[in-house]
Amino acid sequence: MNRVARMVLVTIMTAMMVFMVTLAATYMNIGLRADFLSKWAKAYIISWPIAATTAFLVMPMARRATDSVMRLIAG
């Protein structure tokens, strides 16, 4: 996978994951109240760049680990 495709994959994947996780965590912590959307948006805006950067850095290691596990499974 080339660098641009990897960046697009990481961007889309982390955006969707962080969307759901911050939505659920915000709801669990404060419930559905008047300032829910602003609290959730703040959590999303802070969390997404961290998740995207981490995923971009970790993906090569995760890919190698996956290849190793698959080789073990295949025998």
Protein backbone atom coordinates (compact mmCIF):
# COMPACT_ATOMS: atom_id res chain seq x y z
CA MET A 1 0.00 0.00 0.00
CA ASN A 2 1.50 3.34 -0.97
CA ARG A 3 1.86 6.24 1.45
CA VAL A 4 -1.13 8.23 0.18
CA ALA A 5 -3.46 5.22 0.29
CA ARG A 6 -2.23 4.45 3.81
CA MET A 7 -2.95 8.02 4.93
CA VAL A 8 -6.45 7.89 3.43
CA LEU A 9 -7.14 4.53 5.11
CA VAL A 10 -5.90 5.79 8.49
CA THR A 11 -7.91 9.02 8.16
CA ILE A 12 -11.19 7.27 7.35
CA MET A 13 -10.74 4.38 9.78
CA THR A 14 -9.79 6.54 12.76
CA ALA A 15 -12.43 9.18 12.00
CA MET A 16 -15.16 6.53 12.11
CA MET A 17 -13.80 4.76 15.19
CA VAL A 18 -13.23 7.95 17.18
CA PHE A 19 -16.68 9.21 16.18
CA MET A 20 -18.36 6.18 17.75
CA VAL A 21 -16.09 5.84 20.80
CA THR A 22 -16.28 9.52 21.78
CA LEU A 23 -20.03 9.53 21.17
CA ALA A 24 -20.53 6.52 23.45
CA ALA A 25 -18.09 7.72 26.12
CA THR A 26 -19.58 11.21 26.22
CA TYR A 27 -23.09 9.81 26.49
CA MET A 28 -22.05 7.40 29.26
CA ASN A 29 -20.29 10.16 31.20
CA ILE A 30 -22.76 13.04 30.96
CA GLY A 31 -25.94 11.63 29.45
CA LEU A 32 -28.09 13.38 26.88
CA ARG A 33 -28.21 16.96 28.09
CA ALA A 34 -28.31 20.40 26.48
CA ASP A 35 -24.53 20.69 26.03
CA PHE A 36 -24.05 17.09 24.84
CA LEU A 37 -23.12 17.98 21.26
CA SER A 38 -20.54 20.58 22.26
CA LYS A 39 -18.97 18.23 24.82
CA TRP A 40 -18.90 15.39 22.29
CA ALA A 41 -17.44 17.62 19.57
CA LYS A 42 -14.67 18.76 21.90
CA ALA A 43 -13.82 15.14 22.76
CA TYR A 44 -13.81 14.21 19.06
CA ILE A 45 -11.65 17.16 17.99
CA ILE A 46 -9.07 16.37 20.66
CA SER A 47 -9.11 12.58 20.22
CA TRP A 48 -9.11 12.17 16.46
CA PRO A 49 -5.67 13.63 15.68
CA ILE A 50 -4.17 11.50 18.46
CA ALA A 51 -5.82 8.35 17.11
CA ALA A 52 -4.86 9.11 13.51
CA THR A 53 -1.22 9.81 14.37
CA THR A 54 -1.02 6.68 16.50
CA ALA A 55 -2.61 4.52 13.80
CA PHE A 56 -0.32 5.90 11.12
CA LEU A 57 2.74 5.10 13.23
CA VAL A 58 1.53 1.70 14.48
CA MET A 59 0.09 0.32 11.23
CA PRO A 60 3.41 -1.06 9.89
CA MET A 61 4.02 -2.95 13.15
CA ALA A 62 0.44 -4.22 13.20
CA ARG A 63 0.77 -5.39 9.61
CA ARG A 64 3.98 -7.31 10.40
CA ALA A 65 2.38 -8.85 13.50
CA THR A 66 -0.65 -9.87 11.45
CA ASP A 67 1.57 -11.46 8.81
CA SER A 68 3.41 -13.40 11.55
CA VAL A 69 0.17 -14.65 13.11
CA MET A 70 -1.19 -15.68 9.71
CA ARG A 71 2.01 -17.60 8.93
CA LEU A 72 1.64 -19.45 12.26
CA ILE A 73 -2.00 -20.25 11.51
CA ALA A 74 -1.16 -21.46 8.02
CA GLY A 75 1.56 -23.68 9.44
